[in-house]
């Protein structure tokens, strides 16, 4: 038998009925033991003569009502609250109110919180009025009643409702946590897809335009552009295949390409050069060992910034500066182009993806026109203390 498989409707109904019957029966144990068969309990037996028919009837009512409480908790509560109120004077224990508490347990997870609180208040008021004797019941032999009974019954009702609220709150938090993780995973996938596809397609689009422009007059240049398109397409295809493999297998199974690092910027430089943009890389400071996640984030930021230069800047050169400072890594990509474009205007998925990657590692991200309005600059600072 699979212990982790969820119970079916019939099994849940049986479990609910059994649990409600057991809980409702527990208050009857003291009166069941108070029998005249033991001389030591004669005095107690005179006060608690044993369970009355009303007590046993409420055990059956609880067993019948508990399975239905999953479907119609408010209606079932009112249906159980009526017999509990009528049992005052003919019941010798708080069993009827335990039956009501078993139904109250279902309310917070089945109706709006405000409605559940109102129904709890209704049950408490009914219990207090009935057990205190304020309604003047006509039964000649009062059973379970008085101030102590009011306190006991209200304690049972509040406990059942609070337990249900705690279980529902835990369920809500579990659902919210799962939804949050799903959103983060979708965002991660979107960033990776954008970084892989946008960079490669941007280079391919530029190279295809070059090849089409010079095909007739400079066939050799067109051939070089087509060769660059082929290389970029193969690289993008391999990265896409690896990413899809991770999505299908859950991450650890299947083949995966090594995650790009800042030391792999030569590929970005080469593809940009093939698209007509010369990238000058400047390395400053003493290179330190960085966490793989930060290496990937830094690589993607530079890759996306260079891709924006290729696609939107309208210039043939840009500068990449990688500064390994004490306690921080600063990446800067500058150009002297138009200083704008779709991504440079402040919108687009490219800048948003870069900003999110930097924020994950507790860094600072800036992007905008350079002073004087000539060119565009992207800057990312990663604090190594947070990243490590």
Protein backbone atom coordinates (compact mmCIF):
# COMPACT_ATOMS: atom_id res chain seq x y z
CA UNK A 1 0.00 0.00 0.00
CA UNK A 2 1.31 3.44 -0.92
CA UNK A 3 1.25 5.52 2.26
CA UNK A 4 1.99 8.73 0.33
CA UNK A 5 -0.95 8.43 -2.06
CA UNK A 6 -3.82 10.81 -1.19
CA UNK A 7 -6.94 9.18 0.22
CA UNK A 8 -9.97 8.80 -1.99
CA UNK A 9 -13.34 10.40 -1.17
CA UNK A 10 -14.71 7.27 0.54
CA UNK A 11 -11.57 6.76 2.58
CA UNK A 12 -11.57 10.42 3.67
CA UNK A 13 -15.22 10.15 4.68
CA UNK A 14 -14.49 7.04 6.74
CA UNK A 15 -11.52 8.69 8.44
CA UNK A 16 -13.55 11.82 9.22
CA UNK A 17 -16.41 9.77 10.66
CA UNK A 18 -14.11 7.63 12.81
CA UNK A 19 -12.13 10.64 14.09
CA UNK A 20 -15.30 12.57 14.96
CA UNK A 21 -16.81 9.55 16.75
CA UNK A 22 -13.64 8.97 18.78
CA UNK A 23 -13.26 12.64 19.76
CA UNK A 24 -16.91 12.91 20.73
CA UNK A 25 -16.65 9.72 22.81
CA UNK A 26 -13.64 10.86 24.82
CA UNK A 27 -15.63 13.07 27.23
CA UNK A 28 -17.80 10.04 28.03
CA UNK A 29 -14.92 8.00 29.48
CA UNK A 30 -15.18 9.44 33.03
CA UNK A 31 -18.92 8.78 33.23
CA UNK A 32 -18.53 5.28 31.81
CA UNK A 33 -16.08 4.51 34.62
CA UNK A 34 -18.46 5.88 37.23
CA UNK A 35 -20.48 2.69 37.63
CA UNK A 36 -21.90 1.28 40.90
CA UNK A 37 -19.88 -1.91 40.44
CA UNK A 38 -16.97 -0.38 42.39
CA UNK A 39 -17.70 0.66 45.98
CA UNK A 40 -15.10 3.43 45.79
CA UNK A 41 -17.07 5.13 43.03
CA UNK A 42 -20.53 5.05 44.53
CA UNK A 43 -20.45 8.75 45.37
CA UNK A 44 -19.18 9.65 41.90
CA UNK A 45 -21.75 7.40 40.29
CA UNK A 46 -24.50 9.27 42.04
CA UNK A 47 -23.34 12.47 40.39
CA UNK A 48 -22.39 10.96 37.04
CA UNK A 49 -24.79 8.08 36.44
CA UNK A 50 -23.20 7.19 33.09
CA UNK A 51 -23.73 8.30 29.53
CA UNK A 52 -27.27 9.24 28.69
CA UNK A 53 -29.00 8.58 25.39
CA UNK A 54 -28.37 12.18 24.34
CA UNK A 55 -24.60 11.64 24.75
CA UNK A 56 -24.62 8.48 22.62
CA UNK A 57 -26.86 10.14 20.04
CA UNK A 58 -24.38 13.00 19.61
CA UNK A 59 -21.59 10.49 18.97
CA UNK A 60 -23.64 9.16 16.07
CA UNK A 61 -24.47 12.69 14.90
CA UNK A 62 -20.77 13.62 14.90
CA UNK A 63 -19.89 10.49 12.91
CA UNK A 64 -22.54 11.33 10.30
CA UNK A 65 -21.84 15.05 10.14
CA UNK A 66 -18.03 14.99 9.91
CA UNK A 67 -17.82 13.59 6.34
CA UNK A 68 -20.43 16.10 5.14
CA UNK A 69 -18.56 18.99 6.75
CA UNK A 70 -16.02 18.89 3.89
CA UNK A 71 -18.78 19.80 1.43
CA UNK A 72 -21.22 21.99 3.37
CA UNK A 73 -19.46 23.08 6.57
CA UNK A 74 -21.75 26.02 7.40
CA UNK A 75 -24.99 24.07 6.87
CA UNK A 76 -23.66 21.03 8.74
CA UNK A 77 -22.57 23.26 11.63
CA UNK A 78 -26.10 24.61 12.02
CA UNK A 79 -27.49 21.07 11.76
CA UNK A 80 -25.22 19.83 14.58
CA UNK A 81 -25.56 22.97 16.69
CA UNK A 82 -29.32 22.44 16.98
CA UNK A 83 -29.15 18.95 18.54
CA UNK A 84 -26.34 20.11 20.82
CA UNK A 85 -28.50 22.94 22.12
CA UNK A 86 -31.49 20.63 22.57
CA UNK A 87 -29.37 18.09 24.46
CA UNK A 88 -28.88 20.47 27.39
CA UNK A 89 -30.45 18.86 30.48
CA UNK A 90 -30.40 15.33 29.05
CA UNK A 91 -26.67 15.00 28.38
CA UNK A 92 -24.20 14.25 31.18
CA UNK A 93 -21.01 15.35 29.40
CA UNK A 94 -19.69 17.93 26.89
CA UNK A 95 -19.90 15.31 24.12
CA UNK A 96 -22.50 17.32 22.10
CA UNK A 97 -20.21 20.34 22.03
CA UNK A 98 -17.22 18.23 21.00
CA UNK A 99 -19.32 17.18 18.01
CA UNK A 100 -19.84 20.86 17.19
CA UNK A 101 -16.08 21.47 17.58
CA UNK A 102 -15.36 18.68 15.07
CA UNK A 103 -17.43 20.56 12.47
CA UNK A 104 -15.91 23.93 13.43
CA UNK A 105 -12.53 22.45 12.57
CA UNK A 106 -13.54 22.43 8.89
CA UNK A 107 -14.81 26.02 8.71
CA UNK A 108 -11.59 28.10 8.27
CA UNK A 109 -10.53 26.09 5.24
CA UNK A 110 -13.95 25.97 3.58
CA UNK A 111 -15.49 29.43 3.98
CA UNK A 112 -14.03 32.96 4.01
CA UNK A 113 -12.19 33.85 7.20
CA UNK A 114 -14.72 36.49 8.23
CA UNK A 115 -17.62 34.08 7.72
CA UNK A 116 -15.80 31.39 9.70
CA UNK A 117 -15.29 33.81 12.58
CA UNK A 118 -18.96 34.74 12.56
CA UNK A 119 -20.01 31.09 12.73
CA UNK A 120 -17.60 30.48 15.62
CA UNK A 121 -19.10 33.43 17.48
CA UNK A 122 -22.60 32.03 16.85
CA UNK A 123 -21.61 28.63 18.26
CA UNK A 124 -20.05 30.24 21.35
CA UNK A 125 -23.15 32.36 22.02
CA UNK A 126 -25.47 29.36 21.66
CA UNK A 127 -23.30 27.27 24.00
CA UNK A 128 -23.15 30.04 26.60
CA UNK A 129 -26.91 30.69 26.53
CA UNK A 130 -27.88 27.04 26.67
CA UNK A 131 -25.42 25.76 29.28
CA UNK A 132 -25.79 28.75 31.60
CA UNK A 133 -29.52 28.11 32.02
CA UNK A 134 -30.51 31.56 30.80
CA UNK A 135 -33.03 30.09 28.36
CA UNK A 136 -34.93 28.28 31.13
CA UNK A 137 -35.05 24.79 29.67
CA UNK A 138 -37.98 22.73 30.91
CA UNK A 139 -36.06 19.48 31.64
CA UNK A 140 -36.44 18.68 35.33
CA UNK A 141 -33.02 17.05 35.80
CA UNK A 142 -30.22 19.28 34.52
CA UNK A 143 -27.26 17.34 33.23
CA UNK A 144 -24.14 19.04 31.91
CA UNK A 145 -24.56 22.74 32.74
CA UNK A 146 -23.46 25.69 34.84
CA UNK A 147 -20.54 28.14 34.62
CA UNK A 148 -17.96 25.34 34.48
CA UNK A 149 -19.82 23.67 31.66
CA UNK A 150 -19.98 26.96 29.73
CA UNK A 151 -16.22 27.39 30.05
CA UNK A 152 -15.51 23.78 29.07
CA UNK A 153 -17.80 23.83 26.03
CA UNK A 154 -16.44 27.17 24.80
CA UNK A 155 -12.91 25.84 25.21
CA UNK A 156 -13.75 22.83 23.04
CA UNK A 157 -15.35 25.03 20.37
CA UNK A 158 -12.48 27.51 20.27
CA UNK A 159 -9.90 24.73 20.17
CA UNK A 160 -11.58 23.01 17.22
CA UNK A 161 -11.87 26.25 15.26
CA UNK A 162 -8.29 27.33 16.06
CA UNK A 163 -6.88 23.96 15.04
CA UNK A 164 -8.71 24.21 11.73
CA UNK A 165 -7.43 27.76 11.23
CA UNK A 166 -3.83 26.65 11.90
CA UNK A 167 -4.10 23.76 9.43
CA UNK A 168 -5.62 26.02 6.77
CA UNK A 169 -2.97 28.69 7.34
CA UNK A 170 -0.25 26.11 6.88
CA UNK A 171 -1.92 24.92 3.69
CA UNK A 172 -2.15 28.50 2.38
CA UNK A 173 1.50 29.15 3.10
CA UNK A 174 2.48 25.91 1.38
CA UNK A 175 0.48 26.91 -1.71
CA UNK A 176 1.95 30.42 -1.69
CA UNK A 177 5.46 29.01 -1.33
CA UNK A 178 4.90 26.62 -4.23
CA UNK A 179 3.48 29.45 -6.36
CA UNK A 180 6.44 31.66 -5.47
CA UNK A 181 8.90 28.95 -6.44
CA UNK A 182 7.03 28.39 -9.68
CA UNK A 183 7.22 32.11 -10.48
CA UNK A 184 10.95 32.14 -9.75
CA UNK A 185 11.51 29.11 -11.94
CA UNK A 186 9.54 30.66 -14.80
CA UNK A 187 11.54 33.87 -14.42
CA UNK A 188 14.81 31.93 -14.46
CA UNK A 189 13.77 30.02 -17.57
CA UNK A 190 12.67 33.24 -19.26
CA UNK A 191 16.02 34.89 -18.50
CA UNK A 192 18.00 31.93 -19.81
CA UNK A 193 15.89 31.67 -22.96
CA UNK A 194 16.23 35.39 -23.58
CA UNK A 195 19.99 35.36 -23.04
CA UNK A 196 20.51 32.38 -25.34
CA UNK A 197 18.02 33.27 -28.07
CA UNK A 198 18.23 37.07 -28.15
CA UNK A 199 22.03 37.17 -28.28
CA UNK A 200 22.33 34.54 -31.00
CA UNK A 201 19.44 35.81 -33.11
CA UNK A 202 20.71 39.38 -32.82
CA UNK A 203 24.10 38.36 -34.22
CA UNK A 204 22.48 36.16 -36.89
CA UNK A 205 20.18 38.99 -38.00
CA UNK A 206 23.08 41.41 -38.40
CA UNK A 207 25.23 38.87 -40.22
CA UNK A 208 22.38 37.87 -42.51
CA UNK A 209 21.90 41.52 -43.42
CA UNK A 210 25.62 41.87 -44.16
CA UNK A 211 25.62 38.71 -46.31
CA UNK A 212 22.59 39.87 -48.25
CA UNK A 213 24.11 43.30 -48.81
CA UNK A 214 27.51 42.14 -50.11
CA UNK A 215 26.53 38.83 -51.72
CA UNK A 216 26.80 40.12 -55.29
CA UNK A 217 29.87 42.38 -55.03
CA UNK A 218 31.87 40.72 -52.21
CA UNK A 219 31.11 36.99 -52.22
CA UNK A 220 34.05 36.25 -49.90
CA UNK A 221 32.69 38.62 -47.26
CA UNK A 222 29.26 37.05 -47.67
CA UNK A 223 30.81 33.61 -47.18
CA UNK A 224 32.45 34.75 -43.94
CA UNK A 225 29.12 36.14 -42.73
CA UNK A 226 27.38 32.86 -43.50
CA UNK A 227 30.11 30.93 -41.67
CA UNK A 228 29.57 33.15 -38.65
CA UNK A 229 25.83 32.52 -38.86
CA UNK A 230 26.47 28.79 -38.93
CA UNK A 231 28.74 28.90 -35.88
CA UNK A 232 26.35 31.11 -33.90
CA UNK A 233 23.39 28.89 -34.81
CA UNK A 234 25.19 25.74 -33.69
CA UNK A 235 26.17 27.33 -30.39
CA UNK A 236 22.63 28.56 -29.76
CA UNK A 237 21.22 25.17 -30.70
CA UNK A 238 23.54 23.38 -28.26
CA UNK A 239 22.67 25.77 -25.45
CA UNK A 240 18.97 25.46 -26.20
CA UNK A 241 19.19 21.67 -26.27
CA UNK A 242 21.00 21.67 -22.92
CA UNK A 243 18.41 24.01 -21.40
CA UNK A 244 15.51 21.88 -22.65
CA UNK A 245 17.25 18.78 -21.29
CA UNK A 246 17.42 20.37 -17.86
CA UNK A 247 13.72 21.27 -18.01
CA UNK A 248 12.71 17.74 -19.01
CA UNK A 249 14.85 15.87 -16.48
CA UNK A 250 14.63 18.22 -13.52
CA UNK A 251 18.20 19.47 -13.64
CA UNK A 252 20.64 16.74 -12.65
CA UNK A 253 20.00 14.10 -15.28
CA UNK A 254 20.87 14.32 -18.91
CA UNK A 255 23.67 16.21 -20.62
CA UNK A 256 24.42 19.75 -19.64
CA UNK A 257 26.89 22.21 -21.09
CA UNK A 258 29.24 23.88 -18.60
CA UNK A 259 27.78 27.14 -17.33
CA UNK A 260 29.46 30.13 -19.04
CA UNK A 261 31.96 32.09 -16.97
CA UNK A 262 33.57 35.50 -17.27
CA UNK A 263 36.65 33.79 -18.64
CA UNK A 264 34.52 32.69 -21.62
CA UNK A 265 33.96 36.23 -22.91
CA UNK A 266 36.12 35.46 -25.93
CA UNK A 267 33.09 33.82 -27.55
CA UNK A 268 31.03 36.98 -27.05
CA UNK A 269 33.86 39.08 -28.47
CA UNK A 270 34.24 36.80 -31.49
CA UNK A 271 30.54 36.76 -32.34
CA UNK A 272 30.26 40.52 -31.94
CA UNK A 273 33.27 41.00 -34.22
CA UNK A 274 31.62 38.78 -36.82
CA UNK A 275 28.61 41.10 -36.64
CA UNK A 276 30.82 44.14 -37.23
CA UNK A 277 31.34 45.37 -33.66
CA UNK A 278 34.83 45.29 -32.21
CA UNK A 279 34.79 44.66 -28.47
CA UNK A 280 37.72 45.78 -26.34
CA UNK A 281 37.95 43.87 -23.07
CA UNK A 282 39.83 45.50 -20.21
CA UNK A 283 40.68 43.38 -17.15
CA UNK A 284 41.56 45.22 -13.95
CA UNK A 285 42.60 44.01 -10.53
CA UNK A 286 43.60 40.56 -9.35
CA UNK A 287 41.14 37.89 -10.46
CA UNK A 288 39.53 36.08 -7.52
CA UNK A 289 37.68 32.78 -7.47
CA UNK A 290 33.98 33.56 -7.81
CA UNK A 291 30.90 31.43 -7.10
CA UNK A 292 29.55 29.71 -10.25
CA UNK A 293 26.24 31.57 -9.95
CA UNK A 294 27.96 34.95 -9.93
CA UNK A 295 30.22 33.91 -12.84
CA UNK A 296 27.12 33.03 -14.89
CA UNK A 297 25.31 36.24 -13.90
CA UNK A 298 28.33 38.37 -14.84
CA UNK A 299 28.75 36.60 -18.17
CA UNK A 300 25.05 37.06 -19.03
CA UNK A 301 25.13 40.76 -18.14
CA UNK A 302 28.11 41.38 -20.43
CA UNK A 303 26.60 39.19 -23.17
CA UNK A 304 23.28 41.03 -23.12
CA UNK A 305 24.90 44.46 -22.99
CA UNK A 306 27.13 43.65 -25.98
CA UNK A 307 24.11 42.23 -27.84
CA UNK A 308 22.29 45.52 -27.30
CA UNK A 309 25.28 47.36 -28.75
CA UNK A 310 25.23 45.11 -31.82
CA UNK A 311 21.50 45.49 -32.35
CA UNK A 312 20.72 49.05 -31.30
CA UNK A 313 23.76 51.27 -30.80
CA UNK A 314 24.64 51.83 -34.46
CA UNK A 315 28.38 51.78 -33.74
CA UNK A 316 31.26 49.50 -34.66
CA UNK A 317 32.97 49.32 -31.28
CA UNK A 318 32.36 49.07 -27.54
CA UNK A 319 34.41 48.59 -24.40
CA UNK A 320 33.98 45.95 -21.67
CA UNK A 321 35.69 46.54 -18.34
CA UNK A 322 35.94 43.76 -15.76
CA UNK A 323 37.23 45.21 -12.49
CA UNK A 324 38.08 42.78 -9.67
CA UNK A 325 38.06 45.16 -6.72
CA UNK A 326 38.55 44.17 -3.07
CA UNK A 327 35.15 42.87 -1.97
CA UNK A 328 33.35 43.61 -5.23
CA UNK A 329 33.20 42.80 -8.93
CA UNK A 330 32.32 45.68 -11.27
CA UNK A 331 31.31 45.13 -14.89
CA UNK A 332 30.94 48.05 -17.28
CA UNK A 333 29.97 48.01 -20.96
CA UNK A 334 30.14 51.34 -22.81
CA UNK A 335 29.71 52.43 -26.40
CA UNK A 336 29.67 55.68 -28.36
CA UNK A 337 26.63 54.91 -30.45
CA UNK A 338 23.16 56.39 -30.50
CA UNK A 339 22.73 55.91 -26.77
CA UNK A 340 19.29 54.39 -26.87
CA UNK A 341 17.17 51.97 -28.84
CA UNK A 342 14.49 49.55 -27.65
CA UNK A 343 16.53 48.15 -24.77
CA UNK A 344 18.37 51.32 -23.98
CA UNK A 345 15.17 53.27 -23.51
CA UNK A 346 14.64 51.71 -20.13
CA UNK A 347 12.20 48.96 -21.16
CA UNK A 348 12.54 45.61 -22.86
CA UNK A 349 13.35 42.22 -21.44
CA UNK A 350 17.12 42.68 -21.78
CA UNK A 351 17.57 45.40 -19.17
CA UNK A 352 14.98 43.77 -16.91
CA UNK A 353 16.81 40.45 -17.08
CA UNK A 354 20.16 42.07 -16.29
CA UNK A 355 18.68 44.00 -13.38
CA UNK A 356 17.11 40.82 -11.95
CA UNK A 357 20.34 38.84 -12.24
CA UNK A 358 22.28 41.54 -10.42
CA UNK A 359 19.59 41.88 -7.73
CA UNK A 360 19.69 38.14 -7.00
CA UNK A 361 23.31 38.56 -5.85
CA UNK A 362 22.61 41.74 -3.88
CA UNK A 363 24.32 44.00 -6.41
CA UNK A 364 23.64 47.38 -7.98
CA UNK A 365 22.68 47.86 -11.61
CA UNK A 366 22.67 51.04 -13.69
CA UNK A 367 21.95 51.60 -17.36
CA UNK A 368 21.52 54.84 -19.29
CA UNK A 369 22.99 57.45 -21.57
CA UNK A 370 26.54 58.49 -20.92
CA UNK A 371 27.22 62.10 -19.81
CA UNK A 372 26.85 64.41 -22.76
CA UNK A 373 24.26 62.17 -24.41
CA UNK A 374 26.81 60.31 -26.56
CA UNK A 375 26.67 56.56 -26.16
CA UNK A 376 25.21 54.21 -23.60
CA UNK A 377 26.63 52.61 -20.47
CA UNK A 378 25.65 49.50 -18.53
CA UNK A 379 27.20 48.99 -15.08
CA UNK A 380 26.80 46.15 -12.60
CA UNK A 381 28.49 45.90 -9.19
CA UNK A 382 28.40 42.56 -7.36
CA UNK A 383 29.40 42.59 -3.66
CA UNK A 384 31.52 39.47 -3.19
CA UNK A 385 30.69 39.19 0.52
CA UNK A 386 26.96 38.72 -0.32
CA UNK A 387 27.63 36.46 -3.28
CA UNK A 388 29.92 34.18 -1.32
